[in-house]
Amino acid sequence: MLVKGPQGEVVDSDIDRLRSLTNGELKAEIAELVSSIVGGLNRVDQRLLRQQLLPALTVLRQRLRRGEWQNFLESIRLNPATVRSWRARERVTTRDVLSLLGEPPPTRRRKAREEVSEPVWRELAEAGKRLAKSVASGANPSYTRRLARELLQAFKDVEL
């Protein structure tokens, strides 16, 4: 669908139009959408939510830091938890439609973990053993804490 953007440029979809807005214009549009909801936020029209409000909120969410995002939602009397639940419901609906169409559901890619070599495992096990002995014997607390910090750092370095 071709529409005119705020400066008169033609954009080919509503998402592109939303992305072409400044943060202030986008915030004003979202506030206007929220204020136009009749009957309270408990009974939001799903079509309005799906086609206008959620896309605008998504674009703005990508631009703002978390604290600023939360403050904006509260300023227009939206509970951040409510917005998260709306987004979650839309994701479930999208997965259901995709499965009805025979497409596999989208999956998140996880980073592949590197294999940890045998000597590294041995070193970690030895460090754990030293720490356990220190705790069991009631050794110097500062020494025990140092061993614990070193062990935690070693685990962090191997990214387990």
Protein backbone atom coordinates (compact mmCIF):
# COMPACT_ATOMS: atom_id res chain seq x y z
CA MET A 1 0.00 0.00 0.00
CA LEU A 2 1.46 3.36 -1.02
CA VAL A 3 1.01 6.24 1.41
CA LYS A 4 2.58 9.65 1.86
CA GLY A 5 5.03 10.08 4.72
CA PRO A 6 5.29 13.13 6.99
CA GLN A 7 7.51 15.11 4.60
CA GLY A 8 5.46 14.15 1.53
CA GLU A 9 7.67 11.26 0.44
CA VAL A 10 5.94 8.11 -0.76
CA VAL A 11 6.51 5.01 1.32
CA ASP A 12 5.30 1.57 0.37
CA SER A 13 3.92 0.27 3.66
CA ASP A 14 2.67 1.36 7.03
CA ILE A 15 5.82 0.02 8.75
CA ASP A 16 7.99 2.08 6.42
CA ARG A 17 5.82 5.13 7.14
CA LEU A 18 6.19 4.52 10.88
CA ARG A 19 9.95 4.18 10.52
CA SER A 20 10.10 7.46 8.61
CA LEU A 21 8.55 9.36 11.55
CA THR A 22 10.68 11.09 14.14
CA ASN A 23 10.48 9.84 17.73
CA GLY A 24 8.25 12.78 18.65
CA GLU A 25 5.87 12.18 15.73
CA LEU A 26 5.75 8.46 16.51
CA LYS A 27 5.03 9.11 20.19
CA ALA A 28 2.24 11.53 19.22
CA GLU A 29 0.70 8.97 16.85
CA ILE A 30 0.79 6.24 19.50
CA ALA A 31 -0.73 8.56 22.10
CA GLU A 32 -3.50 9.46 19.64
CA LEU A 33 -4.21 5.77 18.92
CA VAL A 34 -4.37 4.96 22.63
CA SER A 35 -6.65 7.92 23.35
CA SER A 36 -8.98 6.85 20.53
CA ILE A 37 -9.64 3.49 22.17
CA VAL A 38 -13.22 3.47 23.41
CA GLY A 39 -14.23 1.25 26.33
CA GLY A 40 -10.86 1.13 28.05
CA LEU A 41 -7.70 -0.82 27.35
CA ASN A 42 -9.14 -4.11 28.59
CA ARG A 43 -11.19 -4.47 25.40
CA VAL A 44 -8.85 -3.23 22.70
CA ASP A 45 -10.08 -3.94 19.17
CA GLN A 46 -7.76 -6.68 17.90
CA ARG A 47 -7.73 -5.25 14.37
CA LEU A 48 -6.64 -1.84 15.66
CA LEU A 49 -4.06 -3.47 17.87
CA ARG A 50 -2.66 -5.68 15.11
CA GLN A 51 -2.66 -3.15 12.28
CA GLN A 52 -1.79 0.11 13.98
CA LEU A 53 -0.83 0.14 17.63
CA LEU A 54 1.59 -2.82 17.88
CA PRO A 55 3.59 -1.91 14.75
CA ALA A 56 3.97 1.68 16.00
CA LEU A 57 4.96 0.48 19.48
CA THR A 58 7.45 -1.98 17.98
CA VAL A 59 9.16 0.69 15.90
CA LEU A 60 9.37 3.04 18.88
CA ARG A 61 10.62 0.24 21.16
CA GLN A 62 13.54 -0.37 18.81
CA ARG A 63 14.57 3.28 19.09
CA LEU A 64 14.27 3.93 22.82
CA ARG A 65 16.28 2.74 25.80
CA ARG A 66 14.45 0.56 28.30
CA GLY A 67 13.86 3.24 30.95
CA GLU A 68 12.70 5.77 28.38
CA TRP A 69 10.41 3.14 26.85
CA GLN A 70 8.83 2.30 30.21
CA ASN A 71 8.35 5.99 31.04
CA PHE A 72 6.68 6.65 27.69
CA LEU A 73 4.25 3.74 28.14
CA GLU A 74 3.35 4.93 31.62
CA SER A 75 2.89 8.51 30.37
CA ILE A 76 0.18 7.35 27.95
CA ARG A 77 -1.33 5.13 30.66
CA LEU A 78 -0.21 1.80 29.20
CA ASN A 79 1.14 -0.89 31.48
CA PRO A 80 4.41 -2.32 30.04
CA ALA A 81 3.29 -5.83 31.10
CA THR A 82 0.08 -5.40 29.09
CA VAL A 83 2.04 -4.40 25.99
CA ARG A 84 4.32 -7.44 26.45
CA SER A 85 1.28 -9.72 26.67
CA TRP A 86 -0.19 -8.18 23.50
CA ARG A 87 3.08 -8.84 21.68
CA ALA A 88 3.24 -12.41 23.02
CA ARG A 89 -0.32 -13.12 21.83
CA GLU A 90 0.52 -11.79 18.37
CA ARG A 91 3.59 -14.04 18.16
CA VAL A 92 1.46 -17.07 19.11
CA THR A 93 -1.16 -16.10 16.51
CA THR A 94 1.55 -15.74 13.86
CA ARG A 95 2.96 -19.18 14.70
CA ASP A 96 -0.53 -20.71 14.54
CA VAL A 97 -1.24 -19.18 11.13
CA LEU A 98 2.12 -20.34 9.81
CA SER A 99 1.47 -23.88 11.02
CA LEU A 100 -1.97 -23.86 9.35
CA LEU A 101 -0.27 -22.85 6.10
CA GLY A 102 2.18 -25.74 6.49
CA GLU A 103 5.24 -23.61 7.15
CA PRO A 104 7.60 -24.50 9.97
CA PRO A 105 7.45 -22.13 12.92
CA PRO A 106 10.25 -19.57 13.13
CA THR A 107 13.03 -20.63 15.46
CA ARG A 108 15.57 -18.55 17.27
CA ARG A 109 19.15 -19.25 16.44
CA ARG A 110 21.43 -19.87 19.35
CA LYS A 111 25.11 -19.23 19.27
CA ALA A 112 27.06 -22.41 18.79
CA ARG A 113 29.27 -23.08 21.78
CA GLU A 114 32.85 -23.98 21.26
CA GLU A 115 34.01 -27.31 22.53
CA VAL A 116 36.09 -27.02 25.68
CA SER A 117 39.25 -29.07 25.54
CA GLU A 118 40.01 -31.83 28.05
CA PRO A 119 42.90 -29.98 29.74
CA VAL A 120 40.63 -27.00 30.41
CA TRP A 121 38.07 -29.29 32.04
CA ARG A 122 40.80 -30.80 34.19
CA GLU A 123 42.01 -27.37 35.28
CA LEU A 124 38.47 -26.32 36.19
CA ALA A 125 37.95 -29.55 38.13
CA GLU A 126 41.23 -29.05 40.02
CA ALA A 127 40.30 -25.45 40.86
CA GLY A 128 36.91 -26.66 42.14
CA LYS A 129 38.62 -29.31 44.22
CA ARG A 130 40.99 -26.72 45.80
CA LEU A 131 38.01 -24.50 46.60
CA ALA A 132 36.05 -27.38 48.16
CA LYS A 133 39.03 -28.38 50.32
CA SER A 134 39.50 -24.79 51.45
CA VAL A 135 35.83 -24.47 52.44
CA ALA A 136 35.77 -27.87 54.16
CA SER A 137 38.90 -27.20 56.19
CA GLY A 138 37.74 -23.76 57.29
CA ALA A 139 40.83 -22.14 55.82
CA ASN A 140 41.44 -18.42 55.69
CA PRO A 141 38.20 -16.78 54.40
CA SER A 142 40.04 -14.31 52.16
CA TYR A 143 41.94 -17.21 50.53
CA THR A 144 38.67 -19.11 50.02
CA ARG A 145 37.00 -16.05 48.47
CA ARG A 146 39.98 -15.57 46.14
CA LEU A 147 39.74 -19.21 45.02
CA ALA A 148 36.00 -18.80 44.41
CA ARG A 149 36.54 -15.62 42.34
CA GLU A 150 39.23 -17.34 40.28
CA LEU A 151 37.00 -20.34 39.64
CA LEU A 152 34.07 -18.13 38.61
CA GLN A 153 36.34 -16.15 36.28
CA ALA A 154 37.66 -19.36 34.73
CA PHE A 155 34.10 -20.53 34.04
CA LYS A 156 33.26 -17.13 32.57
CA ASP A 157 36.33 -17.30 30.32
CA VAL A 158 35.23 -20.64 28.86
CA GLU A 159 31.64 -19.35 28.53
CA LEU A 160 29.84 -22.39 29.89
